Amino acid sequence: MRAGPGQLPRPEFTEGPVKARARHAPNLRPGVSLAIPTPAEDTNLNVQPMSIQSAGESPTGAAPASGAPDGAPGADPRTAPDPASPQGGHRTAAIIPAAGRGVRLGPGAPKALRTLSGTPMLVHAVRAMDRARAVSLIVVVAPPDGADEVRHLLDEHTSLAPGGELPATDVLVVPGGETRQDSVRLGLAALPGDVDAVLVHDAARPLVPVDTVDAVAAAVREGAPAVVPALPVPDTVKEVEPRPGGGPEPVTGTPERSRLRAVQTPQGFALKVLAAAHEQVAREGDGATDDAGMVERLGIEVVVVPGHEEAFKVTRPLDLVLAEAVIARRRATDGF
């Protein structure tokens, strides 16, 4: 589909699973077993082809020639050069930390590998980033000892969309660390030199709409150093003094609800800003509940764009029920 002036082409989707092409998907290590649905059980919408790599491999996606004009055959907004950039081009990458265990969901597979309608949440999250027009590289940060299994999983669930005109989104799988902060830092270290903007997205938010992803990326491209999607808080929030043992906790304050926002992901950053935040916070030895909080500690402004109610985080068993309901509604109304 040819884009009009000033517009970015949207990916086209088609029905019918086709075996994916993957550059590197080794077999599972002996003695390791994961309950992973097969592609035949995956009834979700096919997406653009994704080439899956190990850390250290060179992407072989069909990037256009550096001189291809915008809108010309083979040109793609994900990789097309930007004359305003000093290097003559830039890219936006998405990092998906997927190394957490998700103990609040109960025993079983790691949270990112729990299934929704037969498809692991991680696969849903990767597809959400792949649909975004702004993202040209996805870095999945796997459990420290599970990169091969995650790469195999993505290979099994990647489907081609025949007739699609956009080139593949490259997917890189790297081992993560013991904490989320460690994993994001390792994901940053894996980015190639032509990336200058980065989105960090929770694998546990598998149903984020593409418009939310693109809105965050666009705000970064327009000059915001740090961007978060967020929703107004509907409930009154109380500050309390925590008491051990689960006893009654004294209320110490009631923030003004109109000034509160519930933050979601993906969170977007200028790469140099997020890299500096991770370096400084690691040096100071403090953690943070999200990447934007780390940037705030540098004194850098973080701005908010509208989030979406379907970008909720799957944390507890009831969230799985809600996610299944969202998928059922999408299938009924959007052909998802």
Protein backbone atom coordinates (compact mmCIF):
# COMPACT_ATOMS: atom_id res chain seq x y z
CA MET A 1 0.00 0.00 0.00
CA ARG A 2 1.54 3.32 -1.08
CA ALA A 3 1.45 6.08 1.54
CA GLY A 4 0.28 9.60 0.70
CA PRO A 5 2.46 12.65 1.30
CA GLY A 6 3.49 12.87 4.92
CA GLN A 7 1.84 9.57 5.81
CA LEU A 8 3.35 6.33 6.97
CA PRO A 9 2.15 3.10 5.32
CA ARG A 10 0.23 0.72 7.51
CA PRO A 11 0.96 -2.99 7.53
CA GLU A 12 -1.55 -5.27 5.86
CA PHE A 13 -2.67 -8.53 7.36
CA THR A 14 -4.04 -11.70 5.87
CA GLU A 15 -5.61 -14.88 7.12
CA GLY A 16 -4.00 -18.29 7.09
CA PRO A 17 -0.89 -19.39 8.94
CA VAL A 18 2.26 -19.94 6.94
CA LYS A 19 5.46 -21.45 8.32
CA ALA A 20 7.80 -18.72 9.51
CA ARG A 21 11.34 -18.17 8.37
CA ALA A 22 13.75 -17.81 11.25
CA ARG A 23 17.46 -17.34 10.99
CA HIS A 24 18.36 -18.95 14.28
CA ALA A 25 16.09 -21.17 16.32
CA PRO A 26 18.11 -23.95 17.97
CA ASN A 27 16.47 -26.93 19.56
CA LEU A 28 15.62 -26.90 23.24
CA ARG A 29 18.44 -27.89 25.53
CA PRO A 30 18.26 -31.48 26.79
CA GLY A 31 16.14 -31.75 29.89
CA VAL A 32 14.31 -28.44 29.28
CA SER A 33 10.63 -28.60 28.52
CA LEU A 34 8.17 -25.77 28.06
CA ALA A 35 4.43 -25.97 27.51
CA ILE A 36 4.47 -24.01 24.24
CA PRO A 37 1.47 -24.06 21.90
CA THR A 38 2.21 -25.07 18.32
CA PRO A 39 1.53 -22.72 15.40
CA ALA A 40 -1.55 -24.76 14.53
CA GLU A 41 -3.01 -23.82 17.92
CA ASP A 42 -2.22 -20.15 17.43
CA THR A 43 -5.41 -18.58 16.10
CA ASN A 44 -4.37 -14.95 16.37
CA LEU A 45 -3.88 -12.58 13.48
CA ASN A 46 -0.78 -13.12 11.37
CA VAL A 47 1.74 -10.30 11.33
CA GLN A 48 4.52 -9.08 9.12
CA PRO A 49 7.47 -11.47 8.87
CA MET A 50 10.00 -11.18 11.67
CA SER A 51 13.57 -12.38 11.36
CA ILE A 52 14.73 -13.82 14.67
CA GLN A 53 18.39 -13.60 15.61
CA SER A 54 20.81 -14.28 18.40
CA ALA A 55 22.89 -11.55 19.96
CA GLY A 56 25.85 -10.82 17.74
CA GLU A 57 24.17 -11.79 14.46
CA SER A 58 23.72 -9.11 11.83
CA PRO A 59 20.14 -8.27 10.83
CA THR A 60 19.35 -9.38 7.33
CA GLY A 61 15.97 -7.71 6.99
CA ALA A 62 15.20 -6.08 3.68
CA ALA A 63 16.31 -2.57 4.54
CA PRO A 64 16.11 -0.07 1.70
CA ALA A 65 19.13 1.48 0.09
CA SER A 66 20.29 4.53 1.99
CA GLY A 67 19.46 6.79 -0.92
CA ALA A 68 15.93 5.48 -1.58
CA PRO A 69 13.46 8.41 -1.57
CA ASP A 70 10.49 8.30 0.76
CA GLY A 71 7.58 6.50 -0.89
CA ALA A 72 9.78 4.88 -3.53
CA PRO A 73 9.63 1.10 -4.03
CA GLY A 74 11.59 -0.54 -1.23
CA ALA A 75 11.54 2.54 1.03
CA ASP A 76 10.17 1.92 4.52
CA PRO A 77 9.54 4.49 7.27
CA ARG A 78 11.06 2.09 9.80
CA THR A 79 14.51 2.31 8.20
CA ALA A 80 14.38 5.24 5.77
CA PRO A 81 17.10 7.84 6.35
CA ASP A 82 16.31 11.14 8.02
CA PRO A 83 18.15 14.05 6.42
CA ALA A 84 17.91 15.99 9.68
CA SER A 85 19.94 13.39 11.54
CA PRO A 86 23.69 14.07 11.75
CA GLN A 87 24.35 10.45 10.83
CA GLY A 88 21.92 10.61 7.91
CA GLY A 89 19.51 8.11 9.49
CA HIS A 90 17.99 6.83 12.73
CA ARG A 91 15.90 3.97 13.98
CA THR A 92 13.53 3.27 16.82
CA ALA A 93 13.97 -0.02 18.68
CA ALA A 94 11.68 -1.70 21.21
CA ILE A 95 13.08 -3.60 24.19
CA ILE A 96 10.81 -6.20 25.83
CA PRO A 97 12.10 -7.48 29.20
CA ALA A 98 10.73 -11.00 29.56
CA ALA A 99 12.87 -12.53 32.30
CA GLY A 100 10.45 -12.21 35.24
CA ARG A 101 8.83 -15.16 36.96
CA GLY A 102 5.45 -13.52 37.68
CA VAL A 103 4.85 -15.24 41.01
CA ARG A 104 1.53 -13.46 41.57
CA LEU A 105 0.06 -15.42 38.65
CA GLY A 106 0.76 -18.62 40.56
CA PRO A 107 3.04 -21.58 39.83
CA GLY A 108 3.89 -22.58 36.29
CA ALA A 109 5.79 -21.12 33.36
CA PRO A 110 7.35 -17.65 33.55
CA LYS A 111 4.75 -14.92 33.23
CA ALA A 112 5.75 -13.93 29.69
CA LEU A 113 5.21 -17.52 28.53
CA ARG A 114 1.70 -17.87 29.97
CA THR A 115 -0.79 -18.26 27.15
CA LEU A 116 -3.72 -16.14 26.04
CA SER A 117 -6.00 -17.96 23.59
CA GLY A 118 -3.23 -20.47 22.92
CA THR A 119 -0.49 -17.89 22.32
CA PRO A 120 2.19 -16.89 24.87
CA MET A 121 1.88 -13.34 26.18
CA LEU A 122 5.40 -12.61 24.96
CA VAL A 123 4.37 -13.41 21.38
CA HIS A 124 1.38 -11.07 21.69
CA ALA A 125 3.70 -8.34 22.96
CA VAL A 126 6.23 -8.86 20.15
CA ARG A 127 3.43 -8.69 17.59
CA ALA A 128 2.15 -5.45 19.12
CA MET A 129 5.58 -3.87 18.64
CA ASP A 130 5.91 -5.37 15.15
CA ARG A 131 2.64 -3.76 14.05
CA ALA A 132 3.90 -0.32 15.08
CA ARG A 133 4.97 1.76 12.10
CA ALA A 134 7.81 3.39 14.05
CA VAL A 135 9.59 0.25 15.28
CA SER A 136 12.28 -1.38 13.11
CA LEU A 137 14.02 -3.58 15.69
CA ILE A 138 12.69 -5.60 18.64
CA VAL A 139 15.04 -6.82 21.37
CA VAL A 140 13.55 -9.53 23.58
CA VAL A 141 15.44 -9.94 26.85
CA ALA A 142 14.97 -13.56 27.92
CA PRO A 143 15.60 -15.26 31.29
CA PRO A 144 19.36 -15.62 31.87
CA ASP A 145 19.30 -19.33 31.07
CA GLY A 146 16.36 -19.30 28.65
CA ALA A 147 17.40 -17.38 25.53
CA ASP A 148 17.37 -20.52 23.35
CA GLU A 149 13.88 -21.48 24.54
CA VAL A 150 12.52 -17.98 23.92
CA ARG A 151 14.10 -17.87 20.46
CA HIS A 152 12.55 -21.26 19.68
CA LEU A 153 9.17 -20.05 20.92
CA LEU A 154 9.23 -16.95 18.74
CA ASP A 155 10.27 -19.03 15.74
CA GLU A 156 7.36 -21.42 16.28
CA HIS A 157 4.82 -18.59 16.50
CA THR A 158 6.06 -16.28 13.76
CA SER A 159 3.83 -16.27 10.68
CA LEU A 160 4.26 -14.62 7.32
CA ALA A 161 1.71 -12.31 5.78
CA PRO A 162 1.78 -13.02 2.02
CA GLY A 163 1.52 -9.89 -0.09
CA GLY A 164 2.68 -7.54 2.65
CA GLU A 165 4.86 -4.74 1.29
CA LEU A 166 6.71 -3.78 4.46
CA PRO A 167 10.05 -5.48 5.15
CA ALA A 168 10.53 -7.68 8.18
CA THR A 169 11.00 -6.31 11.66
CA ASP A 170 14.22 -7.75 13.04
CA VAL A 171 13.88 -9.55 16.38
CA LEU A 172 16.96 -10.04 18.54
CA VAL A 173 16.93 -12.32 21.60
CA VAL A 174 19.48 -11.73 24.37
CA PRO A 175 19.90 -13.21 27.87
CA GLY A 176 18.65 -11.01 30.69
CA GLY A 177 19.76 -10.30 34.24
CA GLU A 178 18.53 -10.98 37.75
CA THR A 179 16.39 -7.81 37.90
CA ARG A 180 14.28 -5.92 35.40
CA GLN A 181 16.74 -3.04 35.57
CA ASP A 182 19.59 -5.41 34.70
CA SER A 183 17.61 -6.84 31.79
CA VAL A 184 16.80 -3.45 30.29
CA ARG A 185 20.45 -2.45 30.58
CA LEU A 186 21.48 -5.63 28.74
CA GLY A 187 18.89 -4.89 26.07
CA LEU A 188 20.31 -1.39 25.63
CA ALA A 189 23.81 -2.84 25.25
CA ALA A 190 22.59 -5.03 22.36
CA LEU A 191 21.30 -2.12 20.24
CA PRO A 192 23.16 -1.29 17.01
CA GLY A 193 24.71 2.12 16.48
CA ASP A 194 21.98 3.50 14.20
CA VAL A 195 19.31 3.34 16.93
CA ASP A 196 18.72 6.67 18.67
CA ALA A 197 15.25 6.17 20.14
CA VAL A 198 14.02 3.27 22.24
CA LEU A 199 10.72 1.98 23.59
CA VAL A 200 10.66 -0.23 26.68
CA HIS A 201 7.58 -2.44 26.84
CA ASP A 202 6.40 -4.94 29.45
CA ALA A 203 5.75 -8.42 28.08
CA ALA A 204 2.93 -8.52 30.63
CA ARG A 205 1.04 -5.85 28.63
CA PRO A 206 0.36 -8.05 25.60
CA LEU A 207 -2.67 -6.21 24.18
CA VAL A 208 -1.41 -2.64 23.88
CA PRO A 209 -2.98 -1.08 20.75
CA VAL A 210 -0.68 -0.05 17.92
CA ASP A 211 -1.89 3.57 18.07
CA THR A 212 -0.59 3.85 21.62
CA VAL A 213 2.83 2.53 20.58
CA ASP A 214 3.04 4.94 17.65
CA ALA A 215 1.90 7.89 19.78
CA VAL A 216 4.74 7.31 22.25
CA ALA A 217 7.31 6.92 19.46
CA ALA A 218 6.05 10.04 17.69
CA ALA A 219 6.38 12.15 20.84
CA VAL A 220 10.01 11.06 21.22
CA ARG A 221 10.71 11.81 17.57
CA GLU A 222 9.20 15.27 18.06
CA GLY A 223 11.78 16.05 20.72
CA ALA A 224 10.50 14.78 24.08
CA PRO A 225 13.38 13.06 25.92
CA ALA A 226 11.05 10.71 27.84
CA VAL A 227 7.41 9.78 27.19
CA VAL A 228 4.96 7.55 29.04
CA PRO A 229 1.39 6.54 28.13
CA ALA A 230 -0.97 6.91 31.06
CA LEU A 231 -4.62 6.99 32.08
CA PRO A 232 -6.42 9.13 34.68
CA VAL A 233 -6.88 7.34 38.01
CA PRO A 234 -10.60 6.66 38.60
CA ASP A 235 -10.33 5.82 42.31
CA THR A 236 -9.47 8.01 45.26
CA VAL A 237 -5.91 7.22 46.36
CA LYS A 238 -4.71 7.33 49.96
CA GLU A 239 -1.17 7.63 51.26
CA VAL A 240 -0.67 5.45 54.33
CA GLU A 241 1.94 4.56 56.88
CA PRO A 242 2.65 0.87 56.28
CA ARG A 243 2.28 -1.41 59.28
CA PRO A 244 3.80 -4.90 59.49
CA GLY A 245 1.53 -7.92 59.80
CA GLY A 246 -1.28 -6.62 57.64
CA GLY A 247 -2.94 -4.56 60.38
CA PRO A 248 -4.84 -1.30 59.88
CA GLU A 249 -2.65 1.41 58.33
CA PRO A 250 -3.04 5.08 59.30
CA VAL A 251 -3.86 7.43 56.41
CA THR A 252 -1.29 10.19 56.04
CA GLY A 253 -2.69 12.02 53.02
CA THR A 254 -5.05 12.08 50.04
CA PRO A 255 -3.45 13.21 46.78
CA GLU A 256 -5.54 15.30 44.40
CA ARG A 257 -6.95 12.70 42.03
CA SER A 258 -7.08 15.04 39.01
CA ARG A 259 -3.29 15.23 39.07
CA LEU A 260 -2.71 11.46 39.20
CA ARG A 261 -2.08 9.17 36.23
CA ALA A 262 -1.66 5.39 36.05
CA VAL A 263 1.39 4.77 33.86
CA GLN A 264 1.57 2.05 31.20
CA THR A 265 4.07 0.91 28.58
CA PRO A 266 5.70 1.19 26.12
CA GLN A 267 7.70 4.04 27.60
CA GLY A 268 9.74 5.94 25.04
CA PHE A 269 13.11 7.66 25.35
CA ALA A 270 15.91 9.27 23.47
CA LEU A 271 18.49 6.48 23.68
CA LYS A 272 21.22 8.63 25.22
CA VAL A 273 18.82 9.74 27.98
CA LEU A 274 17.78 6.23 29.01
CA ALA A 275 21.36 4.93 28.78
CA ALA A 276 22.55 7.74 31.06
CA ALA A 277 19.76 7.02 33.55
CA HIS A 278 20.64 3.32 33.75
CA GLU A 279 24.32 4.10 34.16
CA GLN A 280 23.79 6.62 36.94
CA VAL A 281 21.14 4.69 38.88
CA ALA A 282 23.29 1.56 38.73
CA ARG A 283 26.25 3.55 40.02
CA GLU A 284 24.17 4.97 42.89
CA GLY A 285 22.87 1.50 43.75
CA ASP A 286 19.19 2.42 43.74
CA GLY A 287 16.40 0.69 41.90
CA ALA A 288 13.24 2.09 40.29
CA THR A 289 9.78 0.75 39.52
CA ASP A 290 9.95 1.93 35.91
CA ASP A 291 12.41 3.43 33.45
CA ALA A 292 10.74 6.84 33.47
CA GLY A 293 11.32 7.04 37.22
CA MET A 294 15.03 6.56 36.61
CA VAL A 295 15.04 9.39 34.08
CA GLU A 296 13.20 11.64 36.55
CA ARG A 297 16.11 11.20 38.96
CA LEU A 298 18.35 12.88 36.41
CA GLY A 299 16.13 15.95 36.54
CA ILE A 300 14.93 15.37 32.96
CA GLU A 301 11.31 16.10 32.11
CA VAL A 302 9.01 13.13 31.44
CA VAL A 303 5.81 13.85 29.51
CA VAL A 304 2.55 11.89 29.35
CA VAL A 305 0.51 10.92 26.29
CA PRO A 306 -2.90 9.21 26.47
CA GLY A 307 -2.75 5.51 27.29
CA HIS A 308 -5.39 2.89 26.55
CA GLU A 309 -7.57 0.73 28.76
CA GLU A 310 -6.50 -2.40 26.86
CA ALA A 311 -2.83 -1.79 27.69
CA PHE A 312 -3.38 -3.15 31.20
CA LYS A 313 -0.80 -5.31 32.91
CA VAL A 314 -1.51 -9.02 33.34
CA THR A 315 -0.41 -9.60 36.92
CA ARG A 316 -3.05 -11.74 38.64
CA PRO A 317 -5.31 -14.61 37.52
CA LEU A 318 -8.28 -12.26 37.10
CA ASP A 319 -6.24 -10.25 34.58
CA LEU A 320 -5.95 -13.37 32.43
CA VAL A 321 -9.74 -13.61 32.33
CA LEU A 322 -10.01 -9.95 31.28
CA ALA A 323 -7.33 -10.41 28.60
CA GLU A 324 -9.17 -13.41 27.14
CA ALA A 325 -12.34 -11.30 27.00
CA VAL A 326 -10.51 -8.50 25.15
CA ILE A 327 -9.16 -10.99 22.59
CA ALA A 328 -12.65 -12.48 22.11
CA ARG A 329 -14.09 -9.00 21.51
CA ARG A 330 -11.32 -8.13 19.04
CA ARG A 331 -11.96 -11.32 17.09
CA ALA A 332 -15.67 -10.62 16.96
CA THR A 333 -15.37 -6.98 15.90
CA ASP A 334 -11.94 -6.55 14.25
CA GLY A 335 -11.11 -10.00 12.88
CA PHE A 336 -8.18 -10.22 15.35
